[in-house]
C-alpha atoms as a PDB file:
ATOM      1  CA  UNK A   1       9.302 -17.523  10.082  1.00  0.00           C
ATOM      2  CA  UNK A   2      10.967 -20.405   8.270  1.00  0.00           C
ATOM      3  CA  UNK A   3       9.032 -19.599   5.090  1.00  0.00           C
ATOM      4  CA  UNK A   4      10.207 -15.985   5.163  1.00  0.00           C
ATOM      5  CA  UNK A   5      13.770 -17.103   5.818  1.00  0.00           C
ATOM      6  CA  UNK A   6      13.606 -19.353   2.753  1.00  0.00           C
ATOM      7  CA  UNK A   7      12.123 -16.542   0.642  1.00  0.00           C
ATOM      8  CA  UNK A   8      14.924 -14.211   1.742  1.00  0.00           C
ATOM      9  CA  UNK A   9      17.558 -16.815   0.925  1.00  0.00           C
ATOM     10  CA  UNK A  10      16.004 -17.310  -2.534  1.00  0.00           C
ATOM     11  CA  UNK A  11      16.016 -13.555  -3.024  1.00  0.00           C
ATOM     12  CA  UNK A  12      19.712 -13.340  -2.144  1.00  0.00           C
ATOM     13  CA  UNK A  13      20.462 -15.831  -4.925  1.00  0.00           C
ATOM     14  CA  UNK A  14      18.412 -13.874  -7.472  1.00  0.00           C
ATOM     15  CA  UNK A  15      19.817 -10.490  -6.438  1.00  0.00           C
ATOM     16  CA  UNK A  16      23.286 -11.121  -4.977  1.00  0.00           C
ATOM     17  CA  UNK A  17      24.329  -7.467  -5.367  1.00  0.00           C
ATOM     18  CA  UNK A  18      21.588  -6.130  -3.090  1.00  0.00           C
ATOM     19  CA  UNK A  19      22.822  -5.652   0.458  1.00  0.00           C
ATOM     20  CA  UNK A  20      19.512  -5.614   2.376  1.00  0.00           C
ATOM     21  CA  UNK A  21      19.200  -9.397   2.702  1.00  0.00           C
ATOM     22  CA  UNK A  22      21.820  -9.961   5.404  1.00  0.00           C
ATOM     23  CA  UNK A  23      20.419  -7.172   7.583  1.00  0.00           C
ATOM     24  CA  UNK A  24      16.888  -8.468   7.086  1.00  0.00           C
ATOM     25  CA  UNK A  25      17.824 -12.065   7.930  1.00  0.00           C
ATOM     26  CA  UNK A  26      19.569 -10.857  11.082  1.00  0.00           C
ATOM     27  CA  UNK A  27      16.513  -8.819  12.043  1.00  0.00           C
ATOM     28  CA  UNK A  28      14.262 -11.843  11.444  1.00  0.00           C
ATOM     29  CA  UNK A  29      16.369 -13.921  13.837  1.00  0.00           C
ATOM     30  CA  UNK A  30      15.961 -11.314  16.607  1.00  0.00           C
ATOM     31  CA  UNK A  31      12.232 -12.081  16.919  1.00  0.00           C
ATOM     32  CA  UNK A  32       9.219  -9.841  17.620  1.00  0.00           C
ATOM     33  CA  UNK A  33       9.681  -8.486  14.115  1.00  0.00           C
ATOM     34  CA  UNK A  34       6.086  -8.684  12.869  1.00  0.00           C
ATOM     35  CA  UNK A  35       4.523  -6.405  15.471  1.00  0.00           C
ATOM     36  CA  UNK A  36       4.080  -2.765  14.512  1.00  0.00           C
ATOM     37  CA  UNK A  37       4.475  -1.921  18.205  1.00  0.00           C
ATOM     38  CA  UNK A  38       8.137  -2.966  18.013  1.00  0.00           C
ATOM     39  CA  UNK A  39       9.711   0.433  17.488  1.00  0.00           C
ATOM     40  CA  UNK A  40      13.175  -0.967  16.957  1.00  0.00           C
ATOM     41  CA  UNK A  41      11.644  -1.986  13.645  1.00  0.00           C
ATOM     42  CA  UNK A  42       9.168  -4.352  12.048  1.00  0.00           C
ATOM     43  CA  UNK A  43       8.293  -6.045   8.811  1.00  0.00           C
ATOM     44  CA  UNK A  44       5.930  -4.450   6.353  1.00  0.00           C
ATOM     45  CA  UNK A  45       4.491  -6.086   3.242  1.00  0.00           C
ATOM     46  CA  UNK A  46       4.028  -4.321  -0.070  1.00  0.00           C
ATOM     47  CA  UNK A  47       2.523  -4.954  -3.479  1.00  0.00           C
ATOM     48  CA  UNK A  48       4.168  -3.629  -6.620  1.00  0.00           C
ATOM     49  CA  UNK A  49       1.152  -3.794  -8.918  1.00  0.00           C
ATOM     50  CA  UNK A  50       1.530  -3.713 -12.702  1.00  0.00           C
ATOM     51  CA  UNK A  51      -1.364  -3.503 -15.123  1.00  0.00           C
ATOM     52  CA  UNK A  52      -2.201  -6.324 -17.517  1.00  0.00           C
ATOM     53  CA  UNK A  53      -0.078  -4.692 -20.263  1.00  0.00           C
ATOM     54  CA  UNK A  54       2.852  -4.303 -17.812  1.00  0.00           C
ATOM     55  CA  UNK A  55       3.332  -0.646 -18.780  1.00  0.00           C
ATOM     56  CA  UNK A  56       1.668   0.981 -15.740  1.00  0.00           C
ATOM     57  CA  UNK A  57       2.060   0.644 -11.988  1.00  0.00           C
ATOM     58  CA  UNK A  58      -0.492   1.374  -9.298  1.00  0.00           C
ATOM     59  CA  UNK A  59       0.781   3.890  -6.762  1.00  0.00           C
ATOM     60  CA  UNK A  60      -0.707   5.610  -3.761  1.00  0.00           C
ATOM     61  CA  UNK A  61      -0.043   9.081  -2.443  1.00  0.00           C
ATOM     62  CA  UNK A  62       0.392   8.221   1.232  1.00  0.00           C
ATOM     63  CA  UNK A  63      -1.370  10.743   3.452  1.00  0.00           C
ATOM     64  CA  UNK A  64       0.909  10.629   6.517  1.00  0.00           C
ATOM     65  CA  UNK A  65       4.210  10.361   4.640  1.00  0.00           C
ATOM     66  CA  UNK A  66       3.099  12.791   1.907  1.00  0.00           C
ATOM     67  CA  UNK A  67       4.749  10.815  -0.874  1.00  0.00           C
ATOM     68  CA  UNK A  68       3.974   8.443  -3.732  1.00  0.00           C
ATOM     69  CA  UNK A  69       4.576   4.782  -2.876  1.00  0.00           C
ATOM     70  CA  UNK A  70       3.642   1.246  -3.817  1.00  0.00           C
ATOM     71  CA  UNK A  71       0.647  -0.212  -1.992  1.00  0.00           C
ATOM     72  CA  UNK A  72       1.430  -1.871   1.330  1.00  0.00           C
ATOM     73  CA  UNK A  73       1.700  -1.531   5.041  1.00  0.00           C
ATOM     74  CA  UNK A  74       1.977  -3.222   8.402  1.00  0.00           C
ATOM     75  CA  UNK A  75       1.651  -6.978   8.682  1.00  0.00           C
ATOM     76  CA  UNK A  76      -0.472  -6.680  11.839  1.00  0.00           C
ATOM     77  CA  UNK A  77       1.401  -9.634  13.311  1.00  0.00           C
ATOM     78  CA  UNK A  78       0.904 -11.844  10.258  1.00  0.00           C
ATOM     79  CA  UNK A  79       4.002 -13.835   9.302  1.00  0.00           C
ATOM     80  CA  UNK A  80       2.768 -14.709   5.795  1.00  0.00           C
ATOM     81  CA  UNK A  81       3.957 -11.539   4.093  1.00  0.00           C
ATOM     82  CA  UNK A  82       2.521 -12.449   0.682  1.00  0.00           C
ATOM     83  CA  UNK A  83      -0.945 -12.646   2.253  1.00  0.00           C
ATOM     84  CA  UNK A  84      -0.324  -9.408   4.145  1.00  0.00           C
ATOM     85  CA  UNK A  85       0.751  -7.658   0.910  1.00  0.00           C
ATOM     86  CA  UNK A  86      -2.382  -8.898  -0.863  1.00  0.00           C
ATOM     87  CA  UNK A  87      -4.587  -7.731   2.027  1.00  0.00           C
ATOM     88  CA  UNK A  88      -2.939  -4.294   2.023  1.00  0.00           C
ATOM     89  CA  UNK A  89      -3.263  -3.974  -1.763  1.00  0.00           C
ATOM     90  CA  UNK A  90      -6.989  -4.716  -1.554  1.00  0.00           C
ATOM     91  CA  UNK A  91      -7.528  -2.361   1.393  1.00  0.00           C
ATOM     92  CA  UNK A  92      -5.622   0.534  -0.167  1.00  0.00           C
ATOM     93  CA  UNK A  93      -6.968   0.260  -3.713  1.00  0.00           C
ATOM     94  CA  UNK A  94     -10.430  -1.256  -3.453  1.00  0.00           C
ATOM     95  CA  UNK A  95      -9.396  -3.754  -6.142  1.00  0.00           C
ATOM     96  CA  UNK A  96     -10.414  -7.325  -5.333  1.00  0.00           C
ATOM     97  CA  UNK A  97      -8.926  -9.184  -8.305  1.00  0.00           C
ATOM     98  CA  UNK A  98      -5.160  -9.364  -8.215  1.00  0.00           C
ATOM     99  CA  UNK A  99      -3.037 -11.935  -9.976  1.00  0.00           C
ATOM    100  CA  UNK A 100       0.026 -12.920  -7.971  1.00  0.00           C
ATOM    101  CA  UNK A 101       2.765 -12.950 -10.602  1.00  0.00           C
ATOM    102  CA  UNK A 102       5.164 -14.722  -8.267  1.00  0.00           C
ATOM    103  CA  UNK A 103       5.124 -15.934  -4.690  1.00  0.00           C
ATOM    104  CA  UNK A 104       8.814 -15.027  -4.457  1.00  0.00           C
ATOM    105  CA  UNK A 105      10.033 -11.697  -3.105  1.00  0.00           C
ATOM    106  CA  UNK A 106      10.203  -9.090  -5.882  1.00  0.00           C
ATOM    107  CA  UNK A 107      12.046  -6.426  -3.906  1.00  0.00           C
ATOM    108  CA  UNK A 108      13.373  -5.827  -0.436  1.00  0.00           C
ATOM    109  CA  UNK A 109      13.934  -2.456   1.179  1.00  0.00           C
ATOM    110  CA  UNK A 110      14.960  -1.159   4.581  1.00  0.00           C
ATOM    111  CA  UNK A 111      13.952   2.417   5.286  1.00  0.00           C
ATOM    112  CA  UNK A 112      13.469   4.753   8.196  1.00  0.00           C
ATOM    113  CA  UNK A 113      10.066   6.120   9.096  1.00  0.00           C
ATOM    114  CA  UNK A 114       9.925   9.501  10.856  1.00  0.00           C
ATOM    115  CA  UNK A 115       7.919  10.172  14.015  1.00  0.00           C
ATOM    116  CA  UNK A 116       4.247  10.157  13.085  1.00  0.00           C
ATOM    117  CA  UNK A 117       1.591  10.998  15.653  1.00  0.00           C
ATOM    118  CA  UNK A 118       2.522   9.090  18.823  1.00  0.00           C
ATOM    119  CA  UNK A 119       4.784   6.609  17.025  1.00  0.00           C
ATOM    120  CA  UNK A 120       8.519   7.265  17.394  1.00  0.00           C
ATOM    121  CA  UNK A 121      10.925   7.033  14.464  1.00  0.00           C
ATOM    122  CA  UNK A 122      11.530   3.401  13.504  1.00  0.00           C
ATOM    123  CA  UNK A 123      12.686   1.114  10.705  1.00  0.00           C
ATOM    124  CA  UNK A 124      10.560  -0.748   8.180  1.00  0.00           C
ATOM    125  CA  UNK A 125      11.862  -3.974   6.692  1.00  0.00           C
ATOM    126  CA  UNK A 126       9.655  -3.910   3.611  1.00  0.00           C
ATOM    127  CA  UNK A 127       9.144  -7.150   1.692  1.00  0.00           C
ATOM    128  CA  UNK A 128       7.572  -6.518  -1.716  1.00  0.00           C
ATOM    129  CA  UNK A 129       5.721  -8.876  -4.037  1.00  0.00           C
ATOM    130  CA  UNK A 130       4.757  -8.497  -7.698  1.00  0.00           C
ATOM    131  CA  UNK A 131       1.030  -8.443  -8.531  1.00  0.00           C
ATOM    132  CA  UNK A 132      -1.024  -7.693 -11.606  1.00  0.00           C
ATOM    133  CA  UNK A 133      -4.439  -6.076 -12.005  1.00  0.00           C
ATOM    134  CA  UNK A 134      -6.455  -4.995 -15.014  1.00  0.00           C
ATOM    135  CA  UNK A 135      -6.293  -1.193 -15.128  1.00  0.00           C
ATOM    136  CA  UNK A 136      -9.271  -1.030 -17.522  1.00  0.00           C
ATOM    137  CA  UNK A 137     -11.658  -3.345 -15.648  1.00  0.00           C
ATOM    138  CA  UNK A 138     -10.821  -2.768 -11.987  1.00  0.00           C
ATOM    139  CA  UNK A 139     -12.248   0.332 -10.318  1.00  0.00           C
ATOM    140  CA  UNK A 140      -9.816   1.989  -7.907  1.00  0.00           C
ATOM    141  CA  UNK A 141     -11.135   3.301  -4.592  1.00  0.00           C
ATOM    142  CA  UNK A 142      -9.019   5.665  -2.480  1.00  0.00           C
ATOM    143  CA  UNK A 143      -8.727   4.543   1.140  1.00  0.00           C
ATOM    144  CA  UNK A 144      -8.581   6.934   4.080  1.00  0.00           C
ATOM    145  CA  UNK A 145      -4.799   6.315   4.288  1.00  0.00           C
ATOM    146  CA  UNK A 146      -4.235   7.933   0.901  1.00  0.00           C
ATOM    147  CA  UNK A 147      -4.729  11.202  -0.913  1.00  0.00           C
ATOM    148  CA  UNK A 148      -4.858   9.389  -4.264  1.00  0.00           C
ATOM    149  CA  UNK A 149      -4.396   5.973  -5.854  1.00  0.00           C
ATOM    150  CA  UNK A 150      -3.638   6.046  -9.572  1.00  0.00           C
ATOM    151  CA  UNK A 151      -2.180   4.051 -12.433  1.00  0.00           C
ATOM    152  CA  UNK A 152       1.075   5.657 -13.536  1.00  0.00           C
ATOM    153  CA  UNK A 153       3.014   4.983 -16.708  1.00  0.00           C
ATOM    154  CA  UNK A 154       6.007   2.881 -15.648  1.00  0.00           C
ATOM    155  CA  UNK A 155       8.357   5.360 -17.331  1.00  0.00           C
ATOM    156  CA  UNK A 156       6.989   8.168 -15.126  1.00  0.00           C
ATOM    157  CA  UNK A 157       6.919   6.385 -11.762  1.00  0.00           C
ATOM    158  CA  UNK A 158      10.297   7.838 -10.759  1.00  0.00           C
ATOM    159  CA  UNK A 159       8.958  11.330 -11.445  1.00  0.00           C
ATOM    160  CA  UNK A 160       6.448  10.700  -8.643  1.00  0.00           C
ATOM    161  CA  UNK A 161       9.073   9.250  -6.303  1.00  0.00           C
ATOM    162  CA  UNK A 162      12.766   9.357  -7.160  1.00  0.00           C
ATOM    163  CA  UNK A 163      13.927   7.150  -4.280  1.00  0.00           C
ATOM    164  CA  UNK A 164      16.313   4.329  -5.152  1.00  0.00           C
ATOM    165  CA  UNK A 165      13.823   1.637  -4.111  1.00  0.00           C
ATOM    166  CA  UNK A 166      11.210   2.851  -6.606  1.00  0.00           C
ATOM    167  CA  UNK A 167      13.831   3.080  -9.359  1.00  0.00           C
ATOM    168  CA  UNK A 168      14.995  -0.434  -8.508  1.00  0.00           C
ATOM    169  CA  UNK A 169      11.441  -1.808  -8.824  1.00  0.00           C
ATOM    170  CA  UNK A 170      10.879   0.057 -12.086  1.00  0.00           C
ATOM    171  CA  UNK A 171      14.145  -1.334 -13.463  1.00  0.00           C
ATOM    172  CA  UNK A 172      13.255  -4.877 -12.352  1.00  0.00           C
ATOM    173  CA  UNK A 173       9.816  -4.553 -13.955  1.00  0.00           C
ATOM    174  CA  UNK A 174      11.194  -3.227 -17.216  1.00  0.00           C
ATOM    175  CA  UNK A 175      13.818  -5.968 -17.325  1.00  0.00           C
ATOM    176  CA  UNK A 176      11.404  -8.772 -16.402  1.00  0.00           C
ATOM    177  CA  UNK A 177       8.815  -7.764 -19.002  1.00  0.00           C
ATOM    178  CA  UNK A 178      11.306  -6.402 -21.553  1.00  0.00           C
ATOM    179  CA  UNK A 179       9.872  -2.887 -21.576  1.00  0.00           C
ATOM    180  CA  UNK A 180      11.822  -0.099 -23.321  1.00  0.00           C
END
């Protein structure tokens, strides 16, 4: 938990205008935040995956939510969210070779999840990390959680999902890698 607290504090310095950090730190202090059976909310870990040219992102069409998203999911009790994000990226894409661009948090989002199956509505505190994979060499495999997993031109990612969090990650990617 201390490692995540430090990562969140580092993130707040890098992105002082984002307001999710204080809420996330408070939630972290409340405990029992890594279990997906905590329906007050729980942490999830995601991978924003760019290709080796930095002009495409790997997105999944999530079966249950019926929307395009970054790879990621529940931490399954794991407190090392970078490891959880890497595990989820591998499980959801079939890709084994990811480069971790940074071990710092790339993006942070808090969003509500509707009732799905027997799970009541709840909140995800999604911690996102930046990874890279070679879109030409790595074969993508669609997991049973997805309808599709595809490389999408970074300039078209918001056409697949226009939510603010996707736009924010696209903007951060374009700024970081100086993409027009």
